[in-house]
Amino acid sequence: MVKIQSLFTSLLVVGAVCLSALEVSAKPDNKAPKQPAGNPSNQPANCTAGSVTAGLLTYTSCIGSFTGNDVTDGAAGGGDDPLLDQLTAGVFDGLTNWSLLEKVDEPGNGSVLRWTETSEGIGKWSVSTPITSPFVLSLKAGNSWSAYYFANPSNLSISEGLWNTLGVSLAGNGNNGKGLSHASIFVAPGGDDPVEVPEPTVLAGLGLIAASSLSRLRKKPA
């Protein structure tokens, strides 16, 4: 009889333990579900996260990032050059008369554009002939691109600047931009020509002409 009671007690204990385990497993977990690791480099970057300059100017506005290639043959229409199609549609300040100045695939010199990468996703750009009109610098990194527009309303002579790809495509832990694949510059001739100040000799000549005209008017009979 004692053995039966002992066995019965053991069964009760085992049952209680199993029931407790079932209750714990059924209890909802208030913690946020664990997200898959994923690759931050696959996340789209916002162009505004990037720092792109031209001399002392920062970019006026930007678009991107977009997946794919920004430039192929530099001809608008047909969808082969997504960036030029957007530019000629007036995406920046309604300007439509854009043309590709140059695209450079590797660090170093093009015929006009030059860019260097001082560390991954960070570098400098320059042009051999200063730009005095509105222009766009486009950056391609990984499988994404972003375009940065400089209105240049004062028609400054721009010949160099800095860039990074934080607004194009992220690498590693998401704190750095990917290495630059290529850079392109588009220009839109427009705006007023820089105002030239007359030379002192020219001003003196104009003054003599004005004085002579005034003298003749005074001598003219009423």
N, C-alpha and C. Protein backbone atom coordinates (compact mmCIF):
# COMPACT_ATOMS: atom_id res chain seq x y z
N MET A 1 0.84 -1.21 0.00
CA MET A 1 0.00 0.00 0.00
C MET A 1 0.87 1.26 0.00
N VAL A 2 1.94 1.21 0.78
CA VAL A 2 2.85 2.35 0.87
C VAL A 2 3.49 2.62 -0.48
N LYS A 3 3.86 1.51 -1.19
CA LYS A 3 4.48 1.65 -2.50
C LYS A 3 3.53 2.30 -3.50
N ILE A 4 2.25 1.90 -3.41
CA ILE A 4 1.25 2.47 -4.32
C ILE A 4 1.09 3.96 -4.07
N GLN A 5 1.04 4.35 -2.77
CA GLN A 5 0.91 5.77 -2.43
C GLN A 5 2.13 6.56 -2.92
N SER A 6 3.32 5.98 -2.74
CA SER A 6 4.55 6.64 -3.17
C SER A 6 4.57 6.84 -4.69
N LEU A 7 4.11 5.79 -5.41
CA LEU A 7 4.06 5.89 -6.86
C LEU A 7 3.06 6.94 -7.30
N PHE A 8 1.92 6.98 -6.60
CA PHE A 8 0.88 7.96 -6.92
C PHE A 8 1.39 9.38 -6.70
N THR A 9 2.12 9.56 -5.57
CA THR A 9 2.69 10.88 -5.25
C THR A 9 3.69 11.31 -6.32
N SER A 10 4.52 10.38 -6.78
CA SER A 10 5.50 10.68 -7.81
C SER A 10 4.83 11.10 -9.11
N LEU A 11 3.74 10.40 -9.44
CA LEU A 11 3.01 10.74 -10.66
C LEU A 11 2.41 12.13 -10.57
N LEU A 12 1.91 12.49 -9.38
CA LEU A 12 1.35 13.82 -9.18
C LEU A 12 2.43 14.90 -9.36
N VAL A 13 3.62 14.65 -8.81
CA VAL A 13 4.71 15.62 -8.93
C VAL A 13 5.12 15.80 -10.38
N VAL A 14 5.28 14.67 -11.11
CA VAL A 14 5.66 14.74 -12.52
C VAL A 14 4.61 15.48 -13.32
N GLY A 15 3.34 15.23 -13.03
CA GLY A 15 2.25 15.90 -13.74
C GLY A 15 2.26 17.39 -13.50
N ALA A 16 2.52 17.78 -12.26
CA ALA A 16 2.56 19.20 -11.94
C ALA A 16 3.70 19.90 -12.68
N VAL A 17 4.85 19.23 -12.74
CA VAL A 17 6.00 19.81 -13.44
C VAL A 17 5.70 19.98 -14.92
N CYS A 18 5.09 18.97 -15.54
CA CYS A 18 4.75 19.03 -16.96
C CYS A 18 3.75 20.13 -17.24
N LEU A 19 2.75 20.27 -16.36
CA LEU A 19 1.73 21.30 -16.53
C LEU A 19 2.35 22.69 -16.44
N SER A 20 3.29 22.85 -15.49
CA SER A 20 3.97 24.14 -15.35
C SER A 20 4.78 24.48 -16.59
N ALA A 21 5.43 23.48 -17.15
CA ALA A 21 6.22 23.69 -18.36
C ALA A 21 5.34 24.09 -19.53
N LEU A 22 4.17 23.46 -19.62
CA LEU A 22 3.24 23.79 -20.70
C LEU A 22 2.74 25.21 -20.57
N GLU A 23 2.48 25.65 -19.33
CA GLU A 23 1.99 27.01 -19.11
C GLU A 23 3.05 28.04 -19.50
N VAL A 24 4.31 27.74 -19.16
CA VAL A 24 5.39 28.67 -19.49
C VAL A 24 5.56 28.79 -20.99
N SER A 25 5.49 27.64 -21.69
CA SER A 25 5.67 27.66 -23.14
C SER A 25 4.53 28.35 -23.84
N ALA A 26 3.34 28.31 -23.25
CA ALA A 26 2.18 28.94 -23.87
C ALA A 26 2.09 30.43 -23.57
N LYS A 27 2.84 30.90 -22.57
CA LYS A 27 2.78 32.30 -22.17
C LYS A 27 3.38 33.18 -23.26
N PRO A 28 2.70 34.25 -23.69
CA PRO A 28 3.22 35.10 -24.76
C PRO A 28 4.49 35.83 -24.34
N ASP A 29 5.42 35.98 -25.30
CA ASP A 29 6.68 36.67 -25.05
C ASP A 29 6.50 38.14 -25.40
N ASN A 30 6.72 39.03 -24.43
CA ASN A 30 6.52 40.45 -24.65
C ASN A 30 7.70 41.11 -25.36
N LYS A 31 8.77 40.36 -25.55
CA LYS A 31 9.92 40.92 -26.24
C LYS A 31 9.65 41.04 -27.73
N ALA A 32 10.29 42.04 -28.36
CA ALA A 32 10.14 42.20 -29.81
C ALA A 32 10.75 41.00 -30.51
N PRO A 33 10.11 40.53 -31.56
CA PRO A 33 10.67 39.39 -32.28
C PRO A 33 12.04 39.72 -32.84
N LYS A 34 12.92 38.76 -32.79
CA LYS A 34 14.28 38.95 -33.30
C LYS A 34 14.25 39.07 -34.81
N GLN A 35 14.84 40.14 -35.33
CA GLN A 35 14.87 40.36 -36.76
C GLN A 35 16.03 39.59 -37.39
N PRO A 36 15.87 39.13 -38.62
CA PRO A 36 16.98 38.47 -39.29
C PRO A 36 18.15 39.42 -39.45
N ALA A 37 19.35 38.87 -39.42
CA ALA A 37 20.55 39.69 -39.46
C ALA A 37 20.55 40.63 -40.65
N GLY A 38 20.31 40.12 -41.84
CA GLY A 38 20.26 40.98 -43.02
C GLY A 38 21.60 41.63 -43.31
N ASN A 39 21.69 42.30 -44.43
CA ASN A 39 22.91 43.00 -44.82
C ASN A 39 22.60 44.47 -45.00
N PRO A 40 23.13 45.33 -44.11
CA PRO A 40 22.81 46.76 -44.22
C PRO A 40 23.10 47.34 -45.59
N SER A 41 24.06 46.75 -46.30
CA SER A 41 24.41 47.29 -47.61
C SER A 41 23.27 47.14 -48.61
N ASN A 42 22.29 46.25 -48.28
CA ASN A 42 21.15 46.07 -49.17
C ASN A 42 20.05 47.09 -48.89
N GLN A 43 20.19 47.84 -47.80
CA GLN A 43 19.18 48.83 -47.46
C GLN A 43 19.38 50.08 -48.32
N PRO A 44 18.30 50.66 -48.82
CA PRO A 44 18.44 51.87 -49.64
C PRO A 44 18.94 53.04 -48.79
N ALA A 45 19.80 53.84 -49.36
CA ALA A 45 20.31 55.03 -48.68
C ALA A 45 19.57 56.25 -49.20
N ASN A 46 19.44 57.26 -48.35
CA ASN A 46 18.81 58.52 -48.75
C ASN A 46 19.90 59.49 -49.14
N CYS A 47 19.75 60.13 -50.29
CA CYS A 47 20.81 61.02 -50.80
C CYS A 47 21.17 62.12 -49.80
N THR A 48 20.21 62.52 -48.96
CA THR A 48 20.47 63.61 -48.02
C THR A 48 21.46 63.22 -46.93
N ALA A 49 21.72 61.92 -46.79
CA ALA A 49 22.70 61.47 -45.79
C ALA A 49 24.12 61.71 -46.26
N GLY A 50 24.29 61.97 -47.55
CA GLY A 50 25.62 62.18 -48.10
C GLY A 50 26.09 63.62 -47.95
N SER A 51 27.40 63.78 -47.90
CA SER A 51 28.01 65.11 -47.86
C SER A 51 28.77 65.32 -49.17
N VAL A 52 28.26 66.21 -50.00
CA VAL A 52 28.87 66.50 -51.30
C VAL A 52 29.00 68.02 -51.42
N THR A 53 30.19 68.49 -51.72
CA THR A 53 30.44 69.93 -51.78
C THR A 53 31.09 70.32 -53.11
N ALA A 54 31.02 71.62 -53.39
CA ALA A 54 31.68 72.20 -54.56
C ALA A 54 32.31 73.50 -54.09
N GLY A 55 33.62 73.49 -53.86
CA GLY A 55 34.24 74.65 -53.25
C GLY A 55 33.66 74.86 -51.86
N LEU A 56 33.15 76.06 -51.61
CA LEU A 56 32.52 76.34 -50.32
C LEU A 56 31.02 76.08 -50.35
N LEU A 57 30.50 75.64 -51.48
CA LEU A 57 29.06 75.40 -51.63
C LEU A 57 28.69 73.98 -51.22
N THR A 58 27.52 73.84 -50.61
CA THR A 58 26.92 72.52 -50.43
C THR A 58 25.84 72.37 -51.50
N TYR A 59 25.46 71.14 -51.78
CA TYR A 59 24.49 70.91 -52.84
C TYR A 59 23.15 71.58 -52.54
N THR A 60 22.46 72.01 -53.58
CA THR A 60 21.17 72.67 -53.44
C THR A 60 20.07 71.67 -53.15
N SER A 61 20.04 70.57 -53.88
CA SER A 61 19.08 69.49 -53.65
C SER A 61 19.65 68.23 -54.27
N CYS A 62 18.98 67.10 -53.99
CA CYS A 62 19.48 65.83 -54.51
C CYS A 62 18.33 64.86 -54.75
N ILE A 63 18.60 63.81 -55.51
CA ILE A 63 17.65 62.73 -55.72
C ILE A 63 18.38 61.41 -55.54
N GLY A 64 17.67 60.41 -55.03
CA GLY A 64 18.27 59.09 -54.85
C GLY A 64 18.15 58.63 -53.41
N SER A 65 18.62 57.44 -53.13
CA SER A 65 19.33 56.63 -54.12
C SER A 65 18.36 55.76 -54.94
N PHE A 66 18.83 55.41 -56.15
CA PHE A 66 18.09 54.57 -57.06
C PHE A 66 18.93 53.34 -57.40
N THR A 67 18.24 52.23 -57.62
CA THR A 67 18.93 51.00 -58.00
C THR A 67 19.22 51.00 -59.50
N GLY A 68 20.39 50.49 -59.86
CA GLY A 68 20.74 50.39 -61.27
C GLY A 68 21.83 51.37 -61.65
N ASN A 69 21.90 51.67 -62.93
CA ASN A 69 22.93 52.55 -63.46
C ASN A 69 22.35 53.92 -63.77
N ASP A 70 23.11 54.97 -63.51
CA ASP A 70 22.63 56.32 -63.79
C ASP A 70 22.93 56.75 -65.21
N VAL A 71 24.06 56.31 -65.75
CA VAL A 71 24.52 56.75 -67.06
C VAL A 71 24.98 55.56 -67.89
N THR A 72 24.57 55.52 -69.15
CA THR A 72 25.11 54.51 -70.07
C THR A 72 25.80 55.20 -71.23
N ASP A 73 25.00 55.77 -72.16
CA ASP A 73 25.62 56.43 -73.31
C ASP A 73 25.49 57.94 -73.28
N GLY A 74 24.86 58.48 -72.23
CA GLY A 74 24.75 59.93 -72.10
C GLY A 74 23.74 60.58 -73.02
N ALA A 75 22.80 59.78 -73.55
CA ALA A 75 21.76 60.32 -74.44
C ALA A 75 20.41 60.22 -73.76
N ALA A 76 19.64 61.29 -73.79
CA ALA A 76 18.33 61.29 -73.14
C ALA A 76 17.34 60.48 -73.95
N GLY A 77 16.33 59.95 -73.25
CA GLY A 77 15.27 59.20 -73.91
C GLY A 77 15.58 57.73 -74.01
N GLY A 78 14.52 56.93 -74.07
CA GLY A 78 14.68 55.49 -74.24
C GLY A 78 14.90 54.74 -72.95
N GLY A 79 15.07 55.46 -71.83
CA GLY A 79 15.23 54.80 -70.55
C GLY A 79 16.61 54.23 -70.29
N ASP A 80 17.57 54.43 -71.22
CA ASP A 80 18.91 53.89 -71.02
C ASP A 80 19.74 54.75 -70.08
N ASP A 81 19.37 56.00 -69.93
CA ASP A 81 20.07 56.91 -69.03
C ASP A 81 19.05 57.53 -68.08
N PRO A 82 18.72 56.81 -67.00
CA PRO A 82 17.67 57.27 -66.09
C PRO A 82 17.91 58.67 -65.54
N LEU A 83 19.16 59.00 -65.22
CA LEU A 83 19.42 60.32 -64.65
C LEU A 83 19.18 61.42 -65.68
N LEU A 84 19.73 61.27 -66.87
CA LEU A 84 19.55 62.31 -67.89
C LEU A 84 18.08 62.47 -68.25
N ASP A 85 17.33 61.37 -68.23
CA ASP A 85 15.89 61.46 -68.49
C ASP A 85 15.21 62.33 -67.44
N GLN A 86 15.60 62.16 -66.17
CA GLN A 86 15.02 62.98 -65.11
C GLN A 86 15.47 64.44 -65.22
N LEU A 87 16.74 64.63 -65.56
CA LEU A 87 17.25 66.00 -65.69
C LEU A 87 16.53 66.76 -66.79
N THR A 88 16.40 66.14 -67.94
CA THR A 88 15.75 66.83 -69.07
C THR A 88 14.25 66.97 -68.87
N ALA A 89 13.71 66.29 -67.87
CA ALA A 89 12.30 66.47 -67.51
C ALA A 89 12.12 67.60 -66.50
N GLY A 90 13.24 68.21 -66.06
CA GLY A 90 13.15 69.38 -65.18
C GLY A 90 13.12 69.07 -63.71
N VAL A 91 13.72 67.94 -63.28
CA VAL A 91 13.66 67.56 -61.88
C VAL A 91 14.33 68.59 -60.97
N PHE A 92 15.32 69.32 -61.47
CA PHE A 92 16.01 70.33 -60.66
C PHE A 92 15.69 71.73 -61.19
N ASP A 93 14.92 72.48 -60.41
CA ASP A 93 14.58 73.88 -60.73
C ASP A 93 13.95 74.05 -62.11
N GLY A 94 13.39 73.00 -62.68
CA GLY A 94 12.76 73.10 -63.98
C GLY A 94 13.72 73.21 -65.15
N LEU A 95 15.02 73.11 -64.89
CA LEU A 95 16.01 73.18 -65.97
C LEU A 95 15.95 71.91 -66.82
N THR A 96 15.98 72.08 -68.12
CA THR A 96 15.85 70.92 -69.02
C THR A 96 16.99 70.77 -70.02
N ASN A 97 17.83 71.79 -70.15
CA ASN A 97 18.88 71.75 -71.19
C ASN A 97 20.19 71.18 -70.66
N TRP A 98 20.11 69.98 -70.11
CA TRP A 98 21.28 69.34 -69.52
C TRP A 98 22.05 68.52 -70.55
N SER A 99 23.35 68.43 -70.33
CA SER A 99 24.19 67.55 -71.15
C SER A 99 25.28 66.94 -70.28
N LEU A 100 25.68 65.74 -70.64
CA LEU A 100 26.73 65.04 -69.90
C LEU A 100 28.09 65.65 -70.22
N LEU A 101 28.76 66.15 -69.20
CA LEU A 101 30.10 66.69 -69.39
C LEU A 101 31.12 65.55 -69.48
N GLU A 102 31.05 64.63 -68.51
CA GLU A 102 31.92 63.46 -68.57
C GLU A 102 31.55 62.46 -67.47
N LYS A 103 31.79 61.19 -67.76
CA LYS A 103 31.66 60.10 -66.80
C LYS A 103 33.02 59.44 -66.68
N VAL A 104 33.48 59.25 -65.44
CA VAL A 104 34.78 58.64 -65.20
C VAL A 104 34.59 57.41 -64.31
N ASP A 105 35.01 56.25 -64.82
CA ASP A 105 34.78 54.99 -64.12
C ASP A 105 35.83 54.66 -63.07
N GLU A 106 37.05 55.08 -63.27
CA GLU A 106 38.12 54.72 -62.36
C GLU A 106 38.72 55.98 -61.72
N PRO A 107 39.25 55.84 -60.49
CA PRO A 107 39.93 56.99 -59.90
C PRO A 107 41.05 57.48 -60.82
N GLY A 108 41.16 58.77 -60.97
CA GLY A 108 42.18 59.33 -61.84
C GLY A 108 41.61 60.38 -62.76
N ASN A 109 42.28 60.60 -63.86
CA ASN A 109 41.92 61.70 -64.76
C ASN A 109 41.06 61.25 -65.92
N GLY A 110 39.97 61.99 -66.15
CA GLY A 110 39.27 61.92 -67.42
C GLY A 110 39.78 63.10 -68.23
N SER A 111 39.12 63.40 -69.32
CA SER A 111 39.54 64.57 -70.10
C SER A 111 39.17 65.87 -69.38
N VAL A 112 38.10 65.82 -68.55
CA VAL A 112 37.68 67.00 -67.80
C VAL A 112 37.56 66.69 -66.31
N LEU A 113 36.90 65.59 -65.99
CA LEU A 113 36.61 65.24 -64.60
C LEU A 113 37.70 64.34 -64.02
N ARG A 114 38.01 64.58 -62.77
CA ARG A 114 38.96 63.74 -62.04
C ARG A 114 38.40 63.49 -60.65
N TRP A 115 38.49 62.24 -60.17
CA TRP A 115 38.10 61.96 -58.80
C TRP A 115 39.08 60.99 -58.15
N THR A 116 39.25 61.15 -56.85
CA THR A 116 40.12 60.28 -56.07
C THR A 116 39.35 59.80 -54.85
N GLU A 117 39.74 58.65 -54.33
CA GLU A 117 39.10 58.07 -53.14
C GLU A 117 40.14 57.98 -52.04
N THR A 118 40.01 58.84 -51.02
CA THR A 118 40.99 58.88 -49.94
C THR A 118 40.81 57.72 -48.98
N SER A 119 39.59 57.25 -48.81
CA SER A 119 39.27 56.02 -48.07
C SER A 119 37.94 55.53 -48.62
N GLU A 120 37.53 54.31 -48.24
CA GLU A 120 36.34 53.74 -48.86
C GLU A 120 35.13 54.66 -48.71
N GLY A 121 34.56 55.05 -49.84
CA GLY A 121 33.35 55.87 -49.83
C GLY A 121 33.58 57.34 -49.55
N ILE A 122 34.83 57.80 -49.54
CA ILE A 122 35.14 59.21 -49.25
C ILE A 122 36.23 59.68 -50.20
N GLY A 123 36.08 60.89 -50.75
CA GLY A 123 37.12 61.36 -51.65
C GLY A 123 36.93 62.79 -52.12
N LYS A 124 37.67 63.12 -53.18
CA LYS A 124 37.66 64.45 -53.76
C LYS A 124 37.35 64.36 -55.26
N TRP A 125 36.82 65.46 -55.81
CA TRP A 125 36.60 65.54 -57.25
C TRP A 125 37.08 66.89 -57.74
N SER A 126 37.41 66.96 -59.02
CA SER A 126 37.85 68.23 -59.60
C SER A 126 37.61 68.19 -61.11
N VAL A 127 37.59 69.37 -61.70
CA VAL A 127 37.45 69.49 -63.16
C VAL A 127 38.58 70.38 -63.67
N SER A 128 39.03 70.09 -64.88
CA SER A 128 40.15 70.84 -65.45
C SER A 128 39.73 72.24 -65.88
N THR A 129 38.47 72.40 -66.27
CA THR A 129 37.94 73.71 -66.66
C THR A 129 36.84 74.10 -65.68
N PRO A 130 36.97 75.22 -64.97
CA PRO A 130 35.96 75.60 -63.98
C PRO A 130 34.55 75.67 -64.57
N ILE A 131 33.58 75.29 -63.75
CA ILE A 131 32.17 75.33 -64.14
C ILE A 131 31.55 76.58 -63.53
N THR A 132 30.85 77.37 -64.34
CA THR A 132 30.24 78.61 -63.85
C THR A 132 28.71 78.58 -63.95
N SER A 133 28.16 77.46 -64.34
CA SER A 133 26.70 77.33 -64.52
C SER A 133 26.17 76.28 -63.55
N PRO A 134 24.85 76.08 -63.51
CA PRO A 134 24.31 74.98 -62.70
C PRO A 134 24.89 73.64 -63.17
N PHE A 135 25.12 72.73 -62.21
CA PHE A 135 25.65 71.43 -62.59
C PHE A 135 25.19 70.36 -61.60
N VAL A 136 25.34 69.12 -62.01
CA VAL A 136 24.96 67.96 -61.19
C VAL A 136 26.13 67.00 -61.12
N LEU A 137 26.46 66.58 -59.92
CA LEU A 137 27.47 65.53 -59.72
C LEU A 137 26.73 64.26 -59.31
N SER A 138 26.88 63.22 -60.10
CA SER A 138 26.22 61.94 -59.83
C SER A 138 27.25 60.92 -59.36
N LEU A 139 26.89 60.17 -58.31
CA LEU A 139 27.78 59.17 -57.74
C LEU A 139 27.14 57.79 -57.81
N LYS A 140 27.90 56.80 -58.26
CA LYS A 140 27.43 55.41 -58.32
C LYS A 140 28.30 54.57 -57.39
N ALA A 141 27.66 53.83 -56.49
CA ALA A 141 28.37 52.94 -55.58
C ALA A 141 27.53 51.68 -55.41
N GLY A 142 28.19 50.51 -55.46
CA GLY A 142 27.43 49.27 -55.39
C GLY A 142 26.48 49.20 -56.57
N ASN A 143 25.21 48.96 -56.28
CA ASN A 143 24.20 48.91 -57.34
C ASN A 143 23.23 50.08 -57.22
N SER A 144 23.71 51.20 -56.69
CA SER A 144 22.84 52.36 -56.48
C SER A 144 23.54 53.64 -56.92
N TRP A 145 22.73 54.67 -57.16
CA TRP A 145 23.28 55.98 -57.51
C TRP A 145 22.42 57.10 -56.94
N SER A 146 23.05 58.23 -56.70
CA SER A 146 22.37 59.45 -56.26
C SER A 146 22.97 60.63 -57.01
N ALA A 147 22.17 61.67 -57.21
CA ALA A 147 22.62 62.84 -57.97
C ALA A 147 22.47 64.10 -57.11
N TYR A 148 23.50 64.94 -57.13
CA TYR A 148 23.55 66.15 -56.31
C TYR A 148 23.61 67.39 -57.21
N TYR A 149 22.65 68.28 -56.99
CA TYR A 149 22.46 69.46 -57.84
C TYR A 149 23.01 70.71 -57.17
N PHE A 150 23.79 71.48 -57.92
CA PHE A 150 24.33 72.76 -57.46
C PHE A 150 23.77 73.86 -58.37
N ALA A 151 22.91 74.71 -57.81
CA ALA A 151 22.27 75.77 -58.61
C ALA A 151 23.29 76.82 -59.03
N ASN A 152 24.27 77.08 -58.19
CA ASN A 152 25.32 78.07 -58.48
C ASN A 152 24.73 79.39 -59.00
N PRO A 153 23.84 80.02 -58.22
CA PRO A 153 23.14 81.22 -58.70
C PRO A 153 24.06 82.41 -58.95
N SER A 154 25.22 82.45 -58.29
CA SER A 154 26.15 83.57 -58.47
C SER A 154 27.17 83.32 -59.56
N ASN A 155 26.99 82.22 -60.29
CA ASN A 155 27.92 81.88 -61.38
C ASN A 155 29.38 81.85 -60.92
N LEU A 156 29.60 81.24 -59.76
CA LEU A 156 30.96 81.10 -59.26
C LEU A 156 31.74 80.12 -60.13
N SER A 157 33.04 80.28 -60.15
CA SER A 157 33.90 79.35 -60.88
C SER A 157 34.22 78.17 -59.97
N ILE A 158 33.61 77.03 -60.25
CA ILE A 158 33.77 75.84 -59.42
C ILE A 158 34.73 74.88 -60.11
N SER A 159 35.75 74.45 -59.36
CA SER A 159 36.72 73.54 -59.97
C SER A 159 36.98 72.29 -59.14
N GLU A 160 36.48 72.23 -57.89
CA GLU A 160 36.75 71.05 -57.07
C GLU A 160 35.79 70.97 -55.90
N GLY A 161 35.77 69.80 -55.27
CA GLY A 161 34.91 69.61 -54.12
C GLY A 161 35.18 68.27 -53.46
N LEU A 162 34.34 67.94 -52.48
CA LEU A 162 34.45 66.69 -51.72
C LEU A 162 33.20 65.86 -51.91
N TRP A 163 33.30 64.55 -51.68
CA TRP A 163 32.14 63.68 -51.80
C TRP A 163 32.26 62.52 -50.82
N ASN A 164 31.11 61.93 -50.47
CA ASN A 164 31.07 60.62 -49.85
C ASN A 164 29.83 59.89 -50.33
N THR A 165 29.77 58.59 -50.09
CA THR A 165 28.68 57.77 -50.63
C THR A 165 27.68 57.33 -49.57
N LEU A 166 27.63 58.04 -48.43
CA LEU A 166 26.65 57.69 -47.40
C LEU A 166 25.23 57.86 -47.91
N GLY A 167 25.04 58.72 -48.90
CA GLY A 167 23.72 58.92 -49.48
C GLY A 167 23.49 58.10 -50.73
N VAL A 168 24.38 57.13 -50.98
CA VAL A 168 24.26 56.30 -52.19
C VAL A 168 24.03 54.84 -51.84
N SER A 169 24.99 54.23 -51.13
CA SER A 169 24.89 52.82 -50.78
C SER A 169 25.75 52.55 -49.56
N LEU A 170 25.18 51.86 -48.57
CA LEU A 170 25.87 51.61 -47.31
C LEU A 170 26.62 50.28 -47.34
N ALA A 171 27.73 50.25 -46.61
CA ALA A 171 28.55 49.04 -46.55
C ALA A 171 28.74 48.61 -45.10
N GLY A 172 29.14 47.36 -44.92
CA GLY A 172 29.49 46.87 -43.59
C GLY A 172 28.35 47.00 -42.60
N ASN A 173 28.59 47.72 -41.49
CA ASN A 173 27.57 47.87 -40.45
C ASN A 173 26.60 49.00 -40.73
N GLY A 174 26.69 49.60 -41.89
CA GLY A 174 25.77 50.68 -42.24
C GLY A 174 26.26 52.06 -41.85
N ASN A 175 27.45 52.14 -41.25
CA ASN A 175 27.98 53.44 -40.85
C ASN A 175 28.88 54.06 -41.91
N ASN A 176 29.22 53.29 -42.93
CA ASN A 176 30.11 53.78 -43.98
C ASN A 176 29.47 53.59 -45.34
N GLY A 177 29.91 54.40 -46.30
CA GLY A 177 29.44 54.24 -47.67
C GLY A 177 30.31 53.26 -48.43
N LYS A 178 29.75 52.66 -49.45
CA LYS A 178 30.52 51.75 -50.30
C LYS A 178 31.51 52.54 -51.16
N GLY A 179 32.50 51.82 -51.68
CA GLY A 179 33.47 52.44 -52.57
C GLY A 179 32.81 52.95 -53.84
N LEU A 180 33.31 54.05 -54.36
CA LEU A 180 32.72 54.68 -55.55
C LEU A 180 33.03 53.86 -56.80
N SER A 181 32.00 53.62 -57.59
CA SER A 181 32.15 52.89 -58.85
C SER A 181 32.47 53.86 -59.99
N HIS A 182 31.69 54.92 -60.10
CA HIS A 182 32.01 55.97 -61.08
C HIS A 182 31.32 57.27 -60.68
N ALA A 183 31.81 58.35 -61.25
CA ALA A 183 31.24 59.68 -61.02
C ALA A 183 30.96 60.32 -62.37
N SER A 184 29.90 61.13 -62.42
CA SER A 184 29.52 61.81 -63.66
C SER A 184 29.14 63.25 -63.36
N ILE A 185 29.41 64.13 -64.30
CA ILE A 185 29.02 65.54 -64.16
C ILE A 185 28.18 65.96 -65.35
N PHE A 186 27.04 66.59 -65.04
CA PHE A 186 26.15 67.15 -66.05
C PHE A 186 26.10 68.66 -65.86
N VAL A 187 26.02 69.40 -66.94
CA VAL A 187 25.95 70.86 -66.87
C VAL A 187 24.72 71.35 -67.62
N ALA A 188 24.21 72.49 -67.15
CA ALA A 188 23.06 73.13 -67.80
C ALA A 188 23.41 74.59 -68.02
N PRO A 189 23.87 74.95 -69.21
CA PRO A 189 24.20 76.36 -69.47
C PRO A 189 23.00 77.23 -69.16
N GLY A 190 23.22 78.27 -68.43
CA GLY A 190 22.09 79.13 -68.09
C GLY A 190 22.53 80.17 -67.08
N GLY A 191 21.59 81.05 -66.74
CA GLY A 191 21.90 82.11 -65.81
C GLY A 191 22.62 83.25 -66.50
N ASP A 192 22.83 84.31 -65.78
CA ASP A 192 23.51 85.48 -66.33
C ASP A 192 25.01 85.25 -66.37
N ASP A 193 25.66 85.86 -67.36
CA ASP A 193 27.12 85.79 -67.41
C ASP A 193 27.68 86.60 -66.25
N PRO A 194 28.86 86.21 -65.76
CA PRO A 194 29.46 86.99 -64.68
C PRO A 194 29.62 88.45 -65.09
N VAL A 195 29.27 89.34 -64.18
CA VAL A 195 29.36 90.78 -64.46
C VAL A 195 30.81 91.22 -64.40
N GLU A 196 31.30 91.86 -65.46
CA GLU A 196 32.67 92.34 -65.50
C GLU A 196 32.70 93.82 -65.12
N VAL A 197 33.63 94.17 -64.25
CA VAL A 197 33.79 95.56 -63.83
C VAL A 197 34.65 96.28 -64.85
N PRO A 198 34.20 97.43 -65.42
CA PRO A 198 34.99 98.16 -66.43
C PRO A 198 36.34 98.61 -65.88
N GLU A 199 37.34 98.62 -66.75
CA GLU A 199 38.66 99.10 -66.36
C GLU A 199 38.61 100.61 -66.09
N PRO A 200 39.51 101.11 -65.23
CA PRO A 200 39.52 102.56 -64.93
C PRO A 200 39.66 103.42 -66.18
N THR A 201 40.47 102.99 -67.17
CA THR A 201 40.64 103.79 -68.39
C THR A 201 39.34 103.90 -69.16
N VAL A 202 38.56 102.80 -69.14
CA VAL A 202 37.26 102.82 -69.82
C VAL A 202 36.33 103.79 -69.13
N LEU A 203 36.32 103.75 -67.80
CA LEU A 203 35.47 104.66 -67.04
C LEU A 203 35.86 106.12 -67.31
N ALA A 204 37.17 106.37 -67.40
CA ALA A 204 37.62 107.74 -67.67
C ALA A 204 37.16 108.20 -69.04
N GLY A 205 37.24 107.30 -70.03
CA GLY A 205 36.79 107.64 -71.38
C GLY A 205 35.31 107.94 -71.42
N LEU A 206 34.53 107.14 -70.70
CA LEU A 206 33.08 107.38 -70.64
C LEU A 206 32.79 108.71 -69.98
N GLY A 207 33.59 109.07 -68.98
CA GLY A 207 33.40 110.34 -68.30
C GLY A 207 33.66 111.51 -69.23
N LEU A 208 34.70 111.42 -70.06
CA LEU A 208 35.01 112.49 -71.02
C LEU A 208 33.90 112.65 -72.04
N ILE A 209 33.36 111.52 -72.52
CA ILE A 209 32.27 111.59 -73.49
C ILE A 209 31.05 112.27 -72.89
N ALA A 210 30.73 111.89 -71.63
CA ALA A 210 29.58 112.49 -70.97
C ALA A 210 29.78 113.99 -70.77
N ALA A 211 31.00 114.38 -70.37
CA ALA A 211 31.28 115.81 -70.15
C ALA A 211 31.18 116.60 -71.44
N SER A 212 31.68 116.01 -72.54
CA SER A 212 31.63 116.68 -73.84
C SER A 212 30.19 116.87 -74.29
N SER A 213 29.37 115.83 -74.10
CA SER A 213 27.96 115.92 -74.50
C SER A 213 27.25 116.99 -73.69
N LEU A 214 27.53 117.06 -72.41
CA LEU A 214 26.90 118.05 -71.55
C LEU A 214 27.31 119.46 -71.96
N SER A 215 28.58 119.64 -72.34
CA SER A 215 29.07 120.96 -72.76
C SER A 215 28.37 121.41 -74.04
N ARG A 216 28.16 120.50 -74.97
CA ARG A 216 27.48 120.85 -76.22
C ARG A 216 26.04 121.25 -75.97
N LEU A 217 25.39 120.54 -75.06
CA LEU A 217 24.00 120.87 -74.74
C LEU A 217 23.90 122.28 -74.15
N ARG A 218 24.88 122.65 -73.35
CA ARG A 218 24.85 123.98 -72.74
C ARG A 218 25.07 125.08 -73.76
N LYS A 219 25.91 124.81 -74.81
CA LYS A 219 26.21 125.82 -75.82
C LYS A 219 25.10 125.95 -76.85
N LYS A 220 24.23 124.95 -76.94
CA LYS A 220 23.16 124.97 -77.94
C LYS A 220 22.19 126.10 -77.63
N PRO A 221 21.90 126.96 -78.62
CA PRO A 221 20.99 128.09 -78.36
C PRO A 221 19.59 127.61 -78.02
N ALA A 222 18.93 128.39 -77.17
CA ALA A 222 17.58 128.02 -76.77
C ALA A 222 16.60 128.28 -77.89
